[in-house]
Amino acid sequence: MVVDVIKVVSWNIAKRQEPWRELVKMDADVALLQEAGDPPWNLTDKVDTGPQEHWDSHLWNSNWYRRHGWRYIADRWPKVVRLSDRVEIEWFDQDGPRGSGSQGTIPVSGAGNIAVAKVKPLNSDQRPFLVASIYASWIGARPTAFSKWRVGMPDGSAHRAISDLSVFVGDADPLTYRILAAGDLNMDYGWTDDEPLGLGARERSVWDRFKALGFEYLGPQHPNGRQPNPAPKHLPPDTKNVSTFRSNYMSPMTAQLQLDHVFASRGFHEGIKTRALNCVCQWGSSDGGEWVIRPRFAV
């Protein structure tokens, strides 16, 4: 029996250039990037970012942001990138938040929260599957909320991305839609209600909604990655979370939070293995950890 392995890397690269150089050395097939800018000019023949319409929210919003005096909405985006000739990719162009989209478009409700494409393994009898790169940006509360969270909360952006992804879920049987969704949710899995500064119920609602749409949570979780030591106080003692985020003043050794996560439609998830490349020697050049998802297909 021959087993084809499609390797997918999900990584918040914080608009840095060096991660692009690391990606082309990883022998991966597809990259799900968040906060991505343009690749270095000398790598454009090695990475295929697809049409600008699949990631750039400026192209569908009729320049409403300019009417409010902004130069642009954002300068970094989720992207689906082809890294090898072992796969063929069909990118979905973004469109405004109406209807269900056409054959090649996806309606999106937020700017810079999602990019979607279809991946077709070549030289294989395996069926194509969809991939979604998700970034849950922070949304600040209105002044009338008198919030103590100055940067806001990411769950609103996460729910927008889930709503956008739901147009591909048109049947009660998850096996009919074969979707892999991954990215930076800016949320820790399993946040308890014991932490007075946390809003655990709001964060858990994101996982509950993925589950309601037929998605399984795939971590990555220990032992497929290095755990923070000690574990953060806002997590239960038996947490299996692995660290994928560190701020600029932290080292990979002291990284505490897992903000990057993987989901796959139920049934399809059984052939997918995830692991965090988050040991000190593997951390990479971005502010977040990098991790690899391996969908395994038996022929």
Protein backbone atom coordinates (compact mmCIF):
# COMPACT_ATOMS: atom_id res chain seq x y z
CA MET A 1 0.00 0.00 0.00
CA VAL A 2 1.32 3.42 -0.98
CA VAL A 3 0.65 6.33 1.37
CA ASP A 4 0.79 9.84 -0.03
CA VAL A 5 1.67 12.51 2.49
CA ILE A 6 0.63 16.09 1.85
CA LYS A 7 2.50 18.42 4.19
CA VAL A 8 0.82 21.66 5.20
CA VAL A 9 2.53 24.36 7.26
CA SER A 10 0.50 26.93 9.18
CA TRP A 11 2.42 29.96 10.41
CA ASN A 12 1.83 33.54 11.50
CA ILE A 13 4.86 35.18 9.93
CA ALA A 14 4.14 38.73 11.18
CA LYS A 15 4.93 40.23 7.73
CA ARG A 16 8.56 39.16 8.01
CA GLN A 17 10.74 38.15 5.07
CA GLU A 18 12.90 35.41 6.56
CA PRO A 19 9.99 32.94 7.12
CA TRP A 20 9.47 32.81 3.35
CA ARG A 21 13.07 31.58 2.96
CA GLU A 22 12.51 28.99 5.67
CA LEU A 23 9.30 27.78 4.03
CA VAL A 24 10.96 26.92 0.72
CA LYS A 25 13.47 24.73 2.62
CA MET A 26 10.86 22.71 4.51
CA ASP A 27 9.79 20.33 1.72
CA ALA A 28 6.18 21.30 2.39
CA ASP A 29 3.40 21.38 -0.20
CA VAL A 30 1.06 24.07 1.08
CA ALA A 31 1.45 26.97 3.51
CA LEU A 32 -1.44 28.53 5.41
CA LEU A 33 0.01 31.89 6.39
CA GLN A 34 -1.34 34.62 8.62
CA GLU A 35 -0.22 38.25 8.72
CA ALA A 36 1.70 37.66 5.50
CA GLY A 37 3.11 40.39 3.29
CA ASP A 38 4.72 39.88 -0.10
CA PRO A 39 7.46 37.25 -0.49
CA PRO A 40 11.02 38.39 -1.26
CA TRP A 41 11.48 39.18 -4.94
CA ASN A 42 14.01 36.38 -5.43
CA LEU A 43 11.54 33.72 -4.18
CA THR A 44 8.58 34.54 -6.41
CA ASP A 45 9.43 31.62 -8.69
CA LYS A 46 9.45 29.20 -5.72
CA VAL A 47 6.21 30.21 -3.98
CA ASP A 48 2.82 30.69 -5.60
CA THR A 49 0.55 33.01 -3.63
CA GLY A 50 -2.25 32.81 -6.18
CA PRO A 51 -4.31 35.76 -7.42
CA GLN A 52 -4.45 38.90 -5.30
CA GLU A 53 -8.24 38.55 -5.22
CA HIS A 54 -7.99 35.52 -2.91
CA TRP A 55 -6.48 37.45 0.00
CA ASP A 56 -6.65 41.23 -0.50
CA SER A 57 -9.79 42.66 1.11
CA HIS A 58 -9.12 46.02 -0.53
CA LEU A 59 -10.35 44.63 -3.85
CA TRP A 60 -13.95 43.89 -2.83
CA ASN A 61 -14.90 46.54 -0.28
CA SER A 62 -15.35 49.46 -2.73
CA ASN A 63 -12.72 51.52 -0.91
CA TRP A 64 -15.06 52.33 1.99
CA TYR A 65 -12.02 52.61 4.23
CA ARG A 66 -10.75 55.55 2.19
CA ARG A 67 -13.97 57.46 2.88
CA HIS A 68 -13.12 57.22 6.57
CA GLY A 69 -9.69 58.75 6.00
CA TRP A 70 -7.70 55.50 6.17
CA ARG A 71 -4.94 54.74 3.70
CA TYR A 72 -5.72 51.02 3.87
CA ILE A 73 -7.42 48.43 6.06
CA ALA A 74 -4.34 46.33 6.69
CA ASP A 75 -0.97 45.55 5.19
CA ARG A 76 -0.82 41.80 6.02
CA TRP A 77 -3.22 38.98 5.27
CA PRO A 78 -4.07 35.28 5.57
CA LYS A 79 -2.84 33.50 2.45
CA VAL A 80 -2.84 30.01 0.97
CA VAL A 81 0.50 29.41 -0.75
CA ARG A 82 1.59 26.57 -3.04
CA LEU A 83 5.12 25.39 -2.22
CA SER A 84 5.55 22.28 -4.40
CA ASP A 85 4.52 20.75 -7.71
CA ARG A 86 2.99 17.78 -5.87
CA VAL A 87 -0.27 19.67 -5.58
CA GLU A 88 -2.50 21.86 -7.65
CA ILE A 89 -4.36 24.73 -5.98
CA GLU A 90 -7.54 26.53 -6.95
CA TRP A 91 -7.86 29.75 -4.97
CA PHE A 92 -11.26 31.22 -4.05
CA ASP A 93 -11.53 34.93 -4.75
CA GLN A 94 -12.97 37.01 -1.93
CA ASP A 95 -16.24 38.82 -2.42
CA GLY A 96 -18.46 41.01 -0.27
CA PRO A 97 -20.58 39.44 2.49
CA ARG A 98 -23.67 38.48 0.54
CA GLY A 99 -25.19 35.23 -0.67
CA SER A 100 -23.21 32.03 -0.91
CA GLY A 101 -20.66 33.06 -3.51
CA SER A 102 -20.14 31.76 -7.03
CA GLN A 103 -18.18 28.70 -8.13
CA GLY A 104 -14.85 30.46 -7.61
CA THR A 105 -15.62 33.00 -4.88
CA ILE A 106 -16.25 33.10 -1.15
CA PRO A 107 -18.22 35.88 0.55
CA VAL A 108 -16.26 37.28 3.48
CA SER A 109 -17.58 39.33 6.37
CA GLY A 110 -14.32 40.74 7.73
CA ALA A 111 -11.04 42.13 6.45
CA GLY A 112 -8.02 39.88 6.79
CA ASN A 113 -9.68 37.01 8.66
CA ILE A 114 -9.69 34.16 6.13
CA ALA A 115 -8.35 32.83 2.83
CA VAL A 116 -9.66 29.61 1.26
CA ALA A 117 -8.46 27.34 -1.54
CA LYS A 118 -8.95 23.83 -2.93
CA VAL A 119 -5.94 21.50 -2.85
CA LYS A 120 -5.71 18.68 -5.38
CA PRO A 121 -2.93 16.12 -4.80
CA LEU A 122 -1.27 15.24 -8.12
CA ASN A 123 -0.08 11.79 -9.21
CA SER A 124 -2.61 10.35 -6.80
CA ASP A 125 -6.15 9.01 -6.69
CA GLN A 126 -6.87 11.02 -3.56
CA ARG A 127 -9.80 13.41 -3.54
CA PRO A 128 -9.23 17.17 -3.35
CA PHE A 129 -9.84 18.97 -0.07
CA LEU A 130 -10.34 22.55 1.04
CA VAL A 131 -7.92 24.50 3.20
CA ALA A 132 -8.60 27.70 5.11
CA SER A 133 -6.04 30.02 6.65
CA ILE A 134 -7.66 31.87 9.56
CA TYR A 135 -6.50 34.88 11.53
CA ALA A 136 -8.58 36.17 14.45
CA SER A 137 -7.54 39.79 14.78
CA TRP A 138 -8.20 41.73 17.96
CA ILE A 139 -11.37 43.85 18.12
CA GLY A 140 -11.56 46.56 20.74
CA ALA A 141 -14.70 47.13 22.79
CA ARG A 142 -16.78 50.25 22.41
CA PRO A 143 -16.06 53.02 24.98
CA THR A 144 -19.51 52.41 26.46
CA ALA A 145 -18.38 48.92 27.49
CA PHE A 146 -15.81 50.38 29.91
CA SER A 147 -13.58 47.41 29.10
CA LYS A 148 -10.35 46.70 30.95
CA TRP A 149 -9.08 44.91 27.82
CA ARG A 150 -7.40 47.69 25.86
CA VAL A 151 -6.49 45.47 22.90
CA GLY A 152 -9.97 43.97 22.78
CA MET A 153 -10.94 40.34 22.16
CA PRO A 154 -10.31 38.03 19.17
CA ASP A 155 -13.47 35.91 19.37
CA GLY A 156 -15.49 38.30 17.18
CA SER A 157 -13.01 37.91 14.31
CA ALA A 158 -12.90 34.15 14.83
CA HIS A 159 -16.68 33.93 14.56
CA ARG A 160 -16.60 35.99 11.36
CA ALA A 161 -14.15 33.53 9.85
CA ILE A 162 -16.31 30.58 10.94
CA SER A 163 -19.36 32.23 9.36
CA ASP A 164 -17.43 32.65 6.11
CA LEU A 165 -16.28 29.03 6.23
CA SER A 166 -19.83 27.81 6.86
CA VAL A 167 -20.84 28.41 3.22
CA PHE A 168 -18.85 25.26 2.40
CA VAL A 169 -20.85 23.26 4.96
CA GLY A 170 -24.07 22.33 3.19
CA ASP A 171 -24.78 18.84 4.46
CA ALA A 172 -25.23 17.14 7.83
CA ASP A 173 -22.51 14.64 6.91
CA PRO A 174 -19.05 16.22 7.40
CA LEU A 175 -17.52 13.65 5.04
CA THR A 176 -19.08 15.56 2.15
CA TYR A 177 -17.03 18.70 2.59
CA ARG A 178 -13.45 17.65 3.61
CA ILE A 179 -12.03 20.86 5.05
CA LEU A 180 -8.81 21.60 6.90
CA ALA A 181 -8.84 24.94 8.74
CA ALA A 182 -5.86 26.27 10.66
CA GLY A 183 -4.35 29.48 11.86
CA ASP A 184 -3.78 32.01 14.60
CA LEU A 185 -6.90 32.42 16.75
CA ASN A 186 -5.16 34.53 19.41
CA MET A 187 -6.87 32.29 21.97
CA ASP A 188 -5.64 29.58 24.31
CA TYR A 189 -7.51 26.26 24.24
CA GLY A 190 -9.15 25.31 27.53
CA TRP A 191 -9.12 28.69 29.30
CA THR A 192 -10.90 28.17 32.63
CA ASP A 193 -13.41 30.41 34.38
CA ASP A 194 -11.15 30.57 37.45
CA GLU A 195 -9.02 33.29 35.89
CA PRO A 196 -10.69 36.64 36.78
CA LEU A 197 -9.13 38.49 33.84
CA GLY A 198 -10.22 35.91 31.29
CA LEU A 199 -13.41 35.42 29.33
CA GLY A 200 -13.27 31.65 29.06
CA ALA A 201 -16.86 31.20 27.94
CA ARG A 202 -16.35 33.52 24.98
CA GLU A 203 -13.26 31.66 23.84
CA ARG A 204 -14.88 28.25 24.31
CA SER A 205 -17.77 29.38 22.11
CA VAL A 206 -15.37 29.35 19.14
CA TRP A 207 -14.53 25.67 19.70
CA ASP A 208 -18.21 24.87 20.28
CA ARG A 209 -19.17 26.48 16.99
CA PHE A 210 -16.52 24.58 15.04
CA LYS A 211 -17.88 21.40 16.58
CA ALA A 212 -21.46 22.33 15.66
CA LEU A 213 -20.37 22.60 12.02
CA GLY A 214 -18.84 19.11 12.08
CA PHE A 215 -15.20 20.00 12.76
CA GLU A 216 -12.87 18.15 15.11
CA TYR A 217 -10.15 19.93 17.05
CA LEU A 218 -6.70 18.53 16.17
CA GLY A 219 -4.45 20.60 18.41
CA PRO A 220 -1.56 20.20 17.99
CA GLN A 221 -1.38 18.85 21.53
CA HIS A 222 1.25 17.16 23.67
CA PRO A 223 3.14 14.86 23.04
CA ASN A 224 3.22 16.31 19.52
CA GLY A 225 4.99 19.45 20.66
CA ARG A 226 6.75 20.98 23.64
CA GLN A 227 4.58 22.10 26.54
CA PRO A 228 5.21 25.29 28.53
CA ASN A 229 6.77 24.70 31.92
CA PRO A 230 5.19 25.73 34.18
CA ALA A 231 1.75 25.67 32.60
CA PRO A 232 -0.11 29.00 32.53
CA LYS A 233 -2.36 29.55 35.55
CA HIS A 234 -5.44 30.09 33.39
CA LEU A 235 -5.30 26.51 32.07
CA PRO A 236 -6.35 23.30 33.84
CA PRO A 237 -3.53 21.23 35.43
CA ASP A 238 -3.96 18.41 32.90
CA THR A 239 -3.72 20.67 29.83
CA LYS A 240 -1.98 19.25 26.78
CA ASN A 241 -1.44 22.62 25.16
CA VAL A 242 1.87 23.29 23.46
CA SER A 243 3.45 26.73 23.22
CA THR A 244 3.25 28.43 19.80
CA PHE A 245 3.51 32.11 20.71
CA ARG A 246 6.15 34.25 22.28
CA SER A 247 6.48 38.00 22.47
CA ASN A 248 9.65 39.74 21.39
CA TYR A 249 11.00 39.87 24.94
CA MET A 250 10.55 36.11 25.45
CA SER A 251 12.72 33.26 24.28
CA PRO A 252 11.28 30.05 22.81
CA MET A 253 12.16 28.41 26.13
CA THR A 254 9.83 30.71 28.07
CA ALA A 255 6.93 30.75 25.58
CA GLN A 256 3.65 30.07 27.39
CA LEU A 257 0.64 30.33 25.10
CA GLN A 258 -0.81 28.20 22.32
CA LEU A 259 -2.58 30.63 20.03
CA ASP A 260 -2.38 28.51 16.84
CA HIS A 261 -4.86 25.71 16.22
CA VAL A 262 -6.04 23.13 13.69
CA PHE A 263 -9.53 21.87 12.85
CA ALA A 264 -10.73 19.38 10.25
CA SER A 265 -14.15 18.16 9.20
CA ARG A 266 -15.21 15.00 11.00
CA GLY A 267 -14.14 11.83 9.21
CA PHE A 268 -11.56 13.66 7.13
CA HIS A 269 -9.76 14.45 10.41
CA GLU A 270 -8.92 10.75 10.96
CA GLY A 271 -6.17 10.85 8.35
CA ILE A 272 -4.53 14.03 9.64
CA LYS A 273 -1.62 14.18 12.05
CA THR A 274 -0.45 17.45 13.61
CA ARG A 275 2.69 18.40 15.43
CA ALA A 276 4.18 21.65 16.67
CA LEU A 277 7.69 22.48 15.54
CA ASN A 278 8.26 24.46 18.69
CA CYS A 279 11.40 23.13 20.30
CA VAL A 280 14.05 25.80 20.76
CA CYS A 281 16.04 24.71 17.70
CA GLN A 282 12.94 24.65 15.45
CA TRP A 283 11.13 27.80 16.48
CA GLY A 284 11.77 29.75 13.32
CA SER A 285 12.09 33.45 12.67
CA SER A 286 8.52 34.62 13.26
CA ASP A 287 6.98 35.79 16.53
CA GLY A 288 4.80 32.68 16.66
CA GLY A 289 5.80 29.05 16.54
CA GLU A 290 5.55 27.08 13.35
CA TRP A 291 3.86 23.76 13.05
CA VAL A 292 3.18 21.14 10.45
CA ILE A 293 -0.05 19.39 9.56
CA ARG A 294 0.23 16.09 7.72
CA PRO A 295 -2.92 14.87 5.98
CA ARG A 296 -2.24 11.19 5.18
CA PHE A 297 -4.01 9.56 2.25
CA ALA A 298 -3.94 5.84 1.57
CA VAL A 299 -4.14 4.69 -2.04
